Every structure is written in structure tokens, then in C-alpha cells.
Amino acid sequence: MGGMRKKALWLIFQEKPSRLLLFLKETGKKVYQTEISKKIDATFAHTLRILENMEKAGLIRSEKEGKVKYIYLTDVGSEVAAQIETIRRLIEISEIEQKITNIYESTVRGKLPTEIDREAVKREYIGLKRKLATFFSDPNHFIALKSRKVAAKIDMILAEVLGLPPGTEFTLQE
């Protein structure tokens, strides 16, 4: 991979540059450099280095108005930010799925029904299902499908824990 491409790729997969792109996308307008520094919790010097590299990679543009320098996303920068947001959602679903497994392993597996705090397990799982529900209508079909599959896994475990028939679907009301 070429030097510039490699540098731009590593740039966007670091926390502060990712946050910077997402912030600019969320804002949807030109932003002061100092506002960016505060928002991504970076020093002004670090922010300037990130912005310089992003501008070289064609992800952002800067515009001076008097003494103030404004930053905005290019169309490519906007698309990169959208892809970072997609990756963030994928990771969030993956983390929820892992948490479901961890809860099951620590509070359900190998335990007698009387040893399980059913209400606590139900509360925890319904909370996780509520988070997943925010992805059910995601424009990315993989995310929408994966979130529904993970939610179905929650329903399956809850049916087991609560002694209900498999296939019982749990609503998000407690």
C-alpha cells in the first residue's frame, strides 16, 4: 500500500481522528478549529496535525474568514465518516452479543432455576434488547438483520430462564 494511502487509512482508525470526522458529519456545517479541539478532547497542536493530514488526504477542507479558520468535510470525508459510523454500530452490536454470552455464563449456565435471580437477568437482557432495537431499522441490512438475530438470542435465553416456551418474544416494556 502506498505511503499516503497507508497514512490516511491509519489516520481514520485512530480515536481522535474518527471522533473528528463524526463530529464534523454530525454538525453538518463549517466549524472552528478550537471547537474541534474541545469536542475531540485533543490539544490544539494535535488537532492541527490531524487536520493537516486529513486535508492532505482530501477528507476535509479549510477556509479562512478573517483570523478564523473554518473546517468542513469534503464529499469523500462525509462518506468516510458515514462508514466509520457503520463500523461503530457493528462493534456496538458485537459488544452486546458478547455481553449476552457473559451474562449467561455467569448467571444461568449450570445453575438450578432456584439459584437464578430471574428478575435481575430479565432486567439486564431487556435493557440490552432495548439497545439492539435501535438498530432494527438500520439502513445497513446486515446491521438490521444482525441486531434482530442477537435480540432473538435474548428471547431464547429469557424463555429458558423464565421457564416459558421457546419462541416467546419479549416486549421492551418491563
C-alpha atoms as a PDB file:
ATOM      1  CA  MET A   1       0.000   0.000   0.000  1.00  0.00           C
ATOM      2  CA  GLY A   2       1.354   3.433  -0.918  1.00  0.00           C
ATOM      3  CA  GLY A   3       2.664   5.790   1.764  1.00  0.00           C
ATOM      4  CA  MET A   4      -0.110   8.417   1.519  1.00  0.00           C
ATOM      5  CA  ARG A   5      -2.908   5.822   1.365  1.00  0.00           C
ATOM      6  CA  LYS A   6      -1.477   3.936   4.328  1.00  0.00           C
ATOM      7  CA  LYS A   7      -1.111   7.163   6.330  1.00  0.00           C
ATOM      8  CA  ALA A   8      -4.719   8.224   5.600  1.00  0.00           C
ATOM      9  CA  LEU A   9      -6.017   4.751   6.470  1.00  0.00           C
ATOM     10  CA  TRP A  10      -4.271   4.659   9.837  1.00  0.00           C
ATOM     11  CA  LEU A  11      -5.359   8.224  10.472  1.00  0.00           C
ATOM     12  CA  ILE A  12      -9.071   7.451  10.354  1.00  0.00           C
ATOM     13  CA  PHE A  13      -8.798   4.329  12.505  1.00  0.00           C
ATOM     14  CA  GLN A  14      -7.424   6.269  15.450  1.00  0.00           C
ATOM     15  CA  GLU A  15      -9.853   7.502  18.085  1.00  0.00           C
ATOM     16  CA  LYS A  16      -9.465  11.291  17.835  1.00  0.00           C
ATOM     17  CA  PRO A  17      -9.466  11.496  14.018  1.00  0.00           C
ATOM     18  CA  SER A  18     -12.548   9.243  13.926  1.00  0.00           C
ATOM     19  CA  ARG A  19     -14.268  11.414  16.505  1.00  0.00           C
ATOM     20  CA  LEU A  20     -13.291  14.496  14.495  1.00  0.00           C
ATOM     21  CA  LEU A  21     -14.861  13.154  11.291  1.00  0.00           C
ATOM     22  CA  LEU A  22     -18.011  12.040  13.134  1.00  0.00           C
ATOM     23  CA  PHE A  23     -18.290  15.435  14.834  1.00  0.00           C
ATOM     24  CA  LEU A  24     -17.992  17.286  11.509  1.00  0.00           C
ATOM     25  CA  LYS A  25     -20.594  14.960   9.979  1.00  0.00           C
ATOM     26  CA  GLU A  26     -22.980  15.423  12.937  1.00  0.00           C
ATOM     27  CA  THR A  27     -22.546  19.190  12.851  1.00  0.00           C
ATOM     28  CA  GLY A  28     -23.038  19.393   9.101  1.00  0.00           C
ATOM     29  CA  LYS A  29     -21.509  22.862   8.879  1.00  0.00           C
ATOM     30  CA  LYS A  30     -18.191  24.696   8.963  1.00  0.00           C
ATOM     31  CA  VAL A  31     -16.568  24.549  12.414  1.00  0.00           C
ATOM     32  CA  TYR A  32     -13.755  26.499  14.125  1.00  0.00           C
ATOM     33  CA  GLN A  33     -10.527  24.607  14.766  1.00  0.00           C
ATOM     34  CA  THR A  34     -10.712  25.385  18.507  1.00  0.00           C
ATOM     35  CA  GLU A  35     -14.255  23.972  18.688  1.00  0.00           C
ATOM     36  CA  ILE A  36     -12.938  20.733  17.147  1.00  0.00           C
ATOM     37  CA  SER A  37     -10.102  20.522  19.705  1.00  0.00           C
ATOM     38  CA  LYS A  38     -12.580  20.813  22.579  1.00  0.00           C
ATOM     39  CA  LYS A  39     -15.028  18.342  21.063  1.00  0.00           C
ATOM     40  CA  ILE A  40     -12.446  15.599  20.432  1.00  0.00           C
ATOM     41  CA  ASP A  41     -10.573  16.357  23.679  1.00  0.00           C
ATOM     42  CA  ALA A  42      -7.208  16.964  21.996  1.00  0.00           C
ATOM     43  CA  THR A  43      -4.633  19.702  22.292  1.00  0.00           C
ATOM     44  CA  PHE A  44      -4.791  22.413  19.661  1.00  0.00           C
ATOM     45  CA  ALA A  45      -1.408  21.286  18.275  1.00  0.00           C
ATOM     46  CA  HIS A  46      -2.559  17.659  17.979  1.00  0.00           C
ATOM     47  CA  THR A  47      -5.799  18.777  16.312  1.00  0.00           C
ATOM     48  CA  LEU A  48      -3.818  20.842  13.787  1.00  0.00           C
ATOM     49  CA  ARG A  49      -1.659  17.803  12.884  1.00  0.00           C
ATOM     50  CA  ILE A  50      -4.770  15.663  12.389  1.00  0.00           C
ATOM     51  CA  LEU A  51      -6.439  18.367  10.275  1.00  0.00           C
ATOM     52  CA  GLU A  52      -3.312  18.819   8.165  1.00  0.00           C
ATOM     53  CA  ASN A  53      -3.168  15.078   7.414  1.00  0.00           C
ATOM     54  CA  MET A  54      -6.886  14.931   6.703  1.00  0.00           C
ATOM     55  CA  GLU A  55      -6.650  17.850   4.323  1.00  0.00           C
ATOM     56  CA  LYS A  56      -3.737  16.162   2.503  1.00  0.00           C
ATOM     57  CA  ALA A  57      -5.896  13.032   2.215  1.00  0.00           C
ATOM     58  CA  GLY A  58      -8.807  15.085   0.813  1.00  0.00           C
ATOM     59  CA  LEU A  59     -11.187  14.341   3.710  1.00  0.00           C
ATOM     60  CA  ILE A  60     -11.601  17.951   4.834  1.00  0.00           C
ATOM     61  CA  ARG A  61     -11.147  21.472   3.543  1.00  0.00           C
ATOM     62  CA  SER A  62     -10.289  24.597   5.471  1.00  0.00           C
ATOM     63  CA  GLU A  63     -11.416  28.127   4.773  1.00  0.00           C
ATOM     64  CA  LYS A  64     -10.117  31.309   6.360  1.00  0.00           C
ATOM     65  CA  GLU A  65     -12.541  34.097   7.232  1.00  0.00           C
ATOM     66  CA  GLY A  66     -10.600  36.952   8.767  1.00  0.00           C
ATOM     67  CA  LYS A  67      -8.482  35.493  11.571  1.00  0.00           C
ATOM     68  CA  VAL A  68     -10.684  32.428  11.965  1.00  0.00           C
ATOM     69  CA  LYS A  69     -10.089  29.162  10.132  1.00  0.00           C
ATOM     70  CA  TYR A  70     -13.160  27.009   9.476  1.00  0.00           C
ATOM     71  CA  ILE A  71     -13.104  23.296   8.728  1.00  0.00           C
ATOM     72  CA  TYR A  72     -15.648  21.259   6.779  1.00  0.00           C
ATOM     73  CA  LEU A  73     -15.906  17.775   5.296  1.00  0.00           C
ATOM     74  CA  THR A  74     -15.426  17.064   1.612  1.00  0.00           C
ATOM     75  CA  ASP A  75     -17.877  14.653  -0.019  1.00  0.00           C
ATOM     76  CA  VAL A  76     -15.277  11.877   0.417  1.00  0.00           C
ATOM     77  CA  GLY A  77     -14.764  12.874   4.063  1.00  0.00           C
ATOM     78  CA  SER A  78     -18.507  12.726   4.612  1.00  0.00           C
ATOM     79  CA  GLU A  79     -18.676   9.213   3.147  1.00  0.00           C
ATOM     80  CA  VAL A  80     -15.693   8.074   5.251  1.00  0.00           C
ATOM     81  CA  ALA A  81     -17.458   9.448   8.366  1.00  0.00           C
ATOM     82  CA  ALA A  82     -20.612   7.514   7.402  1.00  0.00           C
ATOM     83  CA  GLN A  83     -18.558   4.321   7.090  1.00  0.00           C
ATOM     84  CA  ILE A  84     -16.919   4.939  10.487  1.00  0.00           C
ATOM     85  CA  GLU A  85     -20.406   5.330  11.971  1.00  0.00           C
ATOM     86  CA  THR A  86     -21.394   1.997  10.389  1.00  0.00           C
ATOM     87  CA  ILE A  87     -18.326   0.330  11.903  1.00  0.00           C
ATOM     88  CA  ARG A  88     -19.194   1.871  15.294  1.00  0.00           C
ATOM     89  CA  ARG A  89     -22.716   0.363  15.126  1.00  0.00           C
ATOM     90  CA  LEU A  90     -21.335  -3.047  14.106  1.00  0.00           C
ATOM     91  CA  ILE A  91     -18.926  -3.046  17.046  1.00  0.00           C
ATOM     92  CA  GLU A  92     -21.706  -1.990  19.440  1.00  0.00           C
ATOM     93  CA  ILE A  93     -23.873  -4.938  18.336  1.00  0.00           C
ATOM     94  CA  SER A  94     -20.900  -7.274  18.673  1.00  0.00           C
ATOM     95  CA  GLU A  95     -20.212  -5.996  22.200  1.00  0.00           C
ATOM     96  CA  ILE A  96     -23.873  -6.515  23.161  1.00  0.00           C
ATOM     97  CA  GLU A  97     -23.729 -10.074  21.820  1.00  0.00           C
ATOM     98  CA  GLN A  98     -20.616 -10.752  23.895  1.00  0.00           C
ATOM     99  CA  LYS A  99     -22.294  -9.292  26.976  1.00  0.00           C
ATOM    100  CA  ILE A 100     -25.290 -11.607  26.446  1.00  0.00           C
ATOM    101  CA  THR A 101     -22.935 -14.590  26.451  1.00  0.00           C
ATOM    102  CA  ASN A 102     -21.081 -13.319  29.534  1.00  0.00           C
ATOM    103  CA  ILE A 103     -24.322 -12.835  31.490  1.00  0.00           C
ATOM    104  CA  TYR A 104     -25.485 -16.321  30.507  1.00  0.00           C
ATOM    105  CA  GLU A 105     -22.166 -17.902  31.503  1.00  0.00           C
ATOM    106  CA  SER A 106     -22.023 -16.153  34.871  1.00  0.00           C
ATOM    107  CA  THR A 107     -25.675 -16.240  35.982  1.00  0.00           C
ATOM    108  CA  VAL A 108     -27.512 -19.035  34.144  1.00  0.00           C
ATOM    109  CA  ARG A 109     -25.367 -21.881  32.802  1.00  0.00           C
ATOM    110  CA  GLY A 110     -25.179 -24.878  35.134  1.00  0.00           C
ATOM    111  CA  LYS A 111     -27.432 -23.295  37.758  1.00  0.00           C
ATOM    112  CA  LEU A 112     -30.684 -24.644  39.153  1.00  0.00           C
ATOM    113  CA  PRO A 113     -33.744 -22.472  38.429  1.00  0.00           C
ATOM    114  CA  THR A 114     -33.929 -21.537  42.139  1.00  0.00           C
ATOM    115  CA  GLU A 115     -30.327 -20.249  42.037  1.00  0.00           C
ATOM    116  CA  ILE A 116     -31.050 -17.754  39.232  1.00  0.00           C
ATOM    117  CA  ASP A 117     -32.211 -14.216  40.034  1.00  0.00           C
ATOM    118  CA  ARG A 118     -34.754 -14.270  37.219  1.00  0.00           C
ATOM    119  CA  GLU A 119     -35.869 -10.658  37.577  1.00  0.00           C
ATOM    120  CA  ALA A 120     -32.297  -9.312  37.543  1.00  0.00           C
ATOM    121  CA  VAL A 121     -31.429 -11.424  34.486  1.00  0.00           C
ATOM    122  CA  LYS A 122     -34.639 -10.320  32.740  1.00  0.00           C
ATOM    123  CA  ARG A 123     -33.942  -6.629  33.520  1.00  0.00           C
ATOM    124  CA  GLU A 124     -30.406  -6.881  32.157  1.00  0.00           C
ATOM    125  CA  TYR A 125     -31.440  -8.701  28.991  1.00  0.00           C
ATOM    126  CA  ILE A 126     -34.395  -6.397  28.300  1.00  0.00           C
ATOM    127  CA  GLY A 127     -32.019  -3.414  28.660  1.00  0.00           C
ATOM    128  CA  LEU A 128     -29.698  -4.965  26.076  1.00  0.00           C
ATOM    129  CA  LYS A 129     -32.627  -5.786  23.781  1.00  0.00           C
ATOM    130  CA  ARG A 130     -33.750  -2.153  24.041  1.00  0.00           C
ATOM    131  CA  LYS A 131     -30.293  -1.049  22.808  1.00  0.00           C
ATOM    132  CA  LEU A 132     -30.487  -3.565  19.950  1.00  0.00           C
ATOM    133  CA  ALA A 133     -33.948  -2.306  18.955  1.00  0.00           C
ATOM    134  CA  THR A 134     -32.371   0.988  17.895  1.00  0.00           C
ATOM    135  CA  PHE A 135     -30.680  -0.962  15.062  1.00  0.00           C
ATOM    136  CA  PHE A 136     -33.718  -2.960  13.838  1.00  0.00           C
ATOM    137  CA  SER A 137     -34.467  -0.438  11.059  1.00  0.00           C
ATOM    138  CA  ASP A 138     -30.852   0.407  10.256  1.00  0.00           C
ATOM    139  CA  PRO A 139     -30.326   1.300   6.578  1.00  0.00           C
ATOM    140  CA  ASN A 140     -27.452  -1.207   6.548  1.00  0.00           C
ATOM    141  CA  HIS A 141     -29.240  -4.535   6.051  1.00  0.00           C
ATOM    142  CA  PHE A 142     -26.508  -6.537   7.773  1.00  0.00           C
ATOM    143  CA  ILE A 143     -26.825  -4.377  10.910  1.00  0.00           C
ATOM    144  CA  ALA A 144     -30.636  -4.615  10.896  1.00  0.00           C
ATOM    145  CA  LEU A 145     -30.511  -8.402  10.474  1.00  0.00           C
ATOM    146  CA  LYS A 146     -27.688  -8.981  12.961  1.00  0.00           C
ATOM    147  CA  SER A 147     -29.397  -6.875  15.656  1.00  0.00           C
ATOM    148  CA  ARG A 148     -32.621  -8.888  15.196  1.00  0.00           C
ATOM    149  CA  LYS A 149     -30.696 -12.191  15.413  1.00  0.00           C
ATOM    150  CA  VAL A 150     -28.993 -11.095  18.622  1.00  0.00           C
ATOM    151  CA  ALA A 151     -32.373  -9.948  20.028  1.00  0.00           C
ATOM    152  CA  ALA A 152     -33.827 -13.388  19.155  1.00  0.00           C
ATOM    153  CA  LYS A 153     -30.951 -14.933  21.124  1.00  0.00           C
ATOM    154  CA  ILE A 154     -32.036 -12.826  24.119  1.00  0.00           C
ATOM    155  CA  ASP A 155     -35.630 -14.070  23.722  1.00  0.00           C
ATOM    156  CA  MET A 156     -34.404 -17.672  23.603  1.00  0.00           C
ATOM    157  CA  ILE A 157     -32.333 -17.276  26.785  1.00  0.00           C
ATOM    158  CA  LEU A 158     -35.133 -15.424  28.610  1.00  0.00           C
ATOM    159  CA  ALA A 159     -37.630 -18.152  27.692  1.00  0.00           C
ATOM    160  CA  GLU A 160     -35.218 -20.703  29.177  1.00  0.00           C
ATOM    161  CA  VAL A 161     -34.570 -18.650  32.328  1.00  0.00           C
ATOM    162  CA  LEU A 162     -38.248 -17.857  32.943  1.00  0.00           C
ATOM    163  CA  GLY A 163     -39.459 -21.359  32.059  1.00  0.00           C
ATOM    164  CA  LEU A 164     -41.545 -20.187  29.098  1.00  0.00           C
ATOM    165  CA  PRO A 165     -41.964 -21.933  25.743  1.00  0.00           C
ATOM    166  CA  PRO A 166     -39.142 -21.437  23.212  1.00  0.00           C
ATOM    167  CA  GLY A 167     -40.144 -18.823  20.648  1.00  0.00           C
ATOM    168  CA  THR A 168     -41.652 -16.499  23.283  1.00  0.00           C
ATOM    169  CA  GLU A 169     -40.923 -12.932  22.211  1.00  0.00           C
ATOM    170  CA  PHE A 170     -40.276 -10.436  24.972  1.00  0.00           C
ATOM    171  CA  THR A 171     -41.513  -6.881  24.629  1.00  0.00           C
ATOM    172  CA  LEU A 172     -39.361  -3.964  25.665  1.00  0.00           C
ATOM    173  CA  GLN A 173     -41.705  -2.952  28.495  1.00  0.00           C
ATOM    174  CA  GLU A 174     -40.693  -4.218  31.895  1.00  0.00           C
END
